[in-house]
């Protein structure tokens, strides 16, 4: 058998294998879920909200009131000013 005929036989066999795979395996695959852009945006918003809430709970399990936050800010800025202006 010449090299050309042998190459054509390999190409033909590859095409036949691909055709058999498509004919046999394709009908058994599940259809991918059909999602609209609105579904995607809703899922993104849910995941972002959940992650932000988890992050906040991880940082402050019991968040302080605004008065505590304001007092801490005043103390931190006063400390910074003392460091900058000895």
C-alpha atoms as a PDB file:
ATOM      1  CA  UNK A   1       0.000   0.000   0.000  1.00  0.00           C
ATOM      2  CA  UNK A   2       1.414   3.373  -0.929  1.00  0.00           C
ATOM      3  CA  UNK A   3       1.821   6.212   1.563  1.00  0.00           C
ATOM      4  CA  UNK A   4      -0.952   8.251  -0.072  1.00  0.00           C
ATOM      5  CA  UNK A   5      -3.473   5.418   0.130  1.00  0.00           C
ATOM      6  CA  UNK A   6      -2.471   4.703   3.714  1.00  0.00           C
ATOM      7  CA  UNK A   7      -2.919   8.395   4.660  1.00  0.00           C
ATOM      8  CA  UNK A   8      -6.331   8.491   2.990  1.00  0.00           C
ATOM      9  CA  UNK A   9      -7.295   5.338   4.913  1.00  0.00           C
ATOM     10  CA  UNK A  10      -6.316   6.970   8.223  1.00  0.00           C
ATOM     11  CA  UNK A  11      -8.236  10.154   7.372  1.00  0.00           C
ATOM     12  CA  UNK A  12     -11.277   8.108   6.380  1.00  0.00           C
ATOM     13  CA  UNK A  13     -11.082   6.088   9.579  1.00  0.00           C
ATOM     14  CA  UNK A  14     -10.889   9.270  11.650  1.00  0.00           C
ATOM     15  CA  UNK A  15     -13.953  10.689   9.890  1.00  0.00           C
ATOM     16  CA  UNK A  16     -15.836   7.435  10.427  1.00  0.00           C
ATOM     17  CA  UNK A  17     -14.939   7.415  14.128  1.00  0.00           C
ATOM     18  CA  UNK A  18     -16.166  11.000  14.472  1.00  0.00           C
ATOM     19  CA  UNK A  19     -19.404  10.169  12.659  1.00  0.00           C
ATOM     20  CA  UNK A  20     -20.045   7.151  14.890  1.00  0.00           C
ATOM     21  CA  UNK A  21     -19.369   9.228  18.010  1.00  0.00           C
ATOM     22  CA  UNK A  22     -21.809  11.926  16.897  1.00  0.00           C
ATOM     23  CA  UNK A  23     -24.452   9.366  15.971  1.00  0.00           C
ATOM     24  CA  UNK A  24     -24.139   7.354  19.182  1.00  0.00           C
ATOM     25  CA  UNK A  25     -23.080   9.776  21.925  1.00  0.00           C
ATOM     26  CA  UNK A  26     -24.926  12.952  20.970  1.00  0.00           C
ATOM     27  CA  UNK A  27     -28.471  11.702  21.612  1.00  0.00           C
ATOM     28  CA  UNK A  28     -27.526  10.729  25.188  1.00  0.00           C
ATOM     29  CA  UNK A  29     -26.121  14.123  26.199  1.00  0.00           C
ATOM     30  CA  UNK A  30     -28.309  16.399  28.283  1.00  0.00           C
ATOM     31  CA  UNK A  31     -29.378  19.710  26.866  1.00  0.00           C
ATOM     32  CA  UNK A  32     -27.587  22.656  28.430  1.00  0.00           C
ATOM     33  CA  UNK A  33     -29.764  24.857  30.629  1.00  0.00           C
ATOM     34  CA  UNK A  34     -31.345  27.763  28.806  1.00  0.00           C
ATOM     35  CA  UNK A  35     -30.761  30.938  30.780  1.00  0.00           C
ATOM     36  CA  UNK A  36     -31.763  34.441  29.898  1.00  0.00           C
ATOM     37  CA  UNK A  37     -29.587  37.485  30.585  1.00  0.00           C
ATOM     38  CA  UNK A  38     -32.029  38.423  33.361  1.00  0.00           C
ATOM     39  CA  UNK A  39     -31.393  35.058  35.050  1.00  0.00           C
ATOM     40  CA  UNK A  40     -27.661  35.654  34.918  1.00  0.00           C
ATOM     41  CA  UNK A  41     -27.926  39.179  36.332  1.00  0.00           C
ATOM     42  CA  UNK A  42     -30.196  37.978  39.141  1.00  0.00           C
ATOM     43  CA  UNK A  43     -27.740  35.214  40.072  1.00  0.00           C
ATOM     44  CA  UNK A  44     -24.841  37.674  40.025  1.00  0.00           C
ATOM     45  CA  UNK A  45     -26.720  40.052  42.325  1.00  0.00           C
ATOM     46  CA  UNK A  46     -27.570  37.215  44.723  1.00  0.00           C
ATOM     47  CA  UNK A  47     -23.974  35.995  44.910  1.00  0.00           C
ATOM     48  CA  UNK A  48     -22.622  39.505  45.403  1.00  0.00           C
ATOM     49  CA  UNK A  49     -25.122  40.218  48.163  1.00  0.00           C
ATOM     50  CA  UNK A  50     -24.378  36.921  49.886  1.00  0.00           C
ATOM     51  CA  UNK A  51     -20.622  37.421  49.670  1.00  0.00           C
ATOM     52  CA  UNK A  52     -20.825  40.985  50.974  1.00  0.00           C
ATOM     53  CA  UNK A  53     -23.002  39.891  53.878  1.00  0.00           C
ATOM     54  CA  UNK A  54     -20.623  37.033  54.707  1.00  0.00           C
ATOM     55  CA  UNK A  55     -17.674  39.423  54.522  1.00  0.00           C
ATOM     56  CA  UNK A  56     -19.356  41.888  56.854  1.00  0.00           C
ATOM     57  CA  UNK A  57     -20.228  39.152  59.328  1.00  0.00           C
ATOM     58  CA  UNK A  58     -16.666  37.878  59.210  1.00  0.00           C
ATOM     59  CA  UNK A  59     -15.246  41.314  59.952  1.00  0.00           C
ATOM     60  CA  UNK A  60     -17.806  42.375  62.547  1.00  0.00           C
ATOM     61  CA  UNK A  61     -19.984  39.563  63.883  1.00  0.00           C
ATOM     62  CA  UNK A  62     -21.660  42.108  66.169  1.00  0.00           C
ATOM     63  CA  UNK A  63     -21.293  45.465  64.382  1.00  0.00           C
ATOM     64  CA  UNK A  64     -20.746  48.537  66.554  1.00  0.00           C
ATOM     65  CA  UNK A  65     -23.067  51.502  66.563  1.00  0.00           C
ATOM     66  CA  UNK A  66     -22.305  54.697  64.664  1.00  0.00           C
ATOM     67  CA  UNK A  67     -21.236  56.392  67.916  1.00  0.00           C
ATOM     68  CA  UNK A  68     -18.567  53.768  68.560  1.00  0.00           C
ATOM     69  CA  UNK A  69     -17.346  54.090  64.981  1.00  0.00           C
ATOM     70  CA  UNK A  70     -17.216  57.907  65.207  1.00  0.00           C
ATOM     71  CA  UNK A  71     -15.342  57.794  68.527  1.00  0.00           C
ATOM     72  CA  UNK A  72     -12.831  55.309  67.120  1.00  0.00           C
ATOM     73  CA  UNK A  73     -12.315  57.537  64.082  1.00  0.00           C
ATOM     74  CA  UNK A  74     -11.654  60.562  66.311  1.00  0.00           C
ATOM     75  CA  UNK A  75      -9.148  58.603  68.396  1.00  0.00           C
ATOM     76  CA  UNK A  76      -7.370  57.258  65.316  1.00  0.00           C
ATOM     77  CA  UNK A  77      -7.094  60.688  63.653  1.00  0.00           C
ATOM     78  CA  UNK A  78      -5.820  62.267  66.902  1.00  0.00           C
ATOM     79  CA  UNK A  79      -3.218  59.520  67.211  1.00  0.00           C
ATOM     80  CA  UNK A  80      -2.152  60.070  63.609  1.00  0.00           C
ATOM     81  CA  UNK A  81      -1.818  63.823  64.159  1.00  0.00           C
ATOM     82  CA  UNK A  82       0.355  63.247  67.223  1.00  0.00           C
ATOM     83  CA  UNK A  83       2.647  61.029  65.164  1.00  0.00           C
ATOM     84  CA  UNK A  84       2.883  63.556  62.327  1.00  0.00           C
ATOM     85  CA  UNK A  85       3.385  66.631  64.566  1.00  0.00           C
ATOM     86  CA  UNK A  86       5.561  65.667  67.545  1.00  0.00           C
END
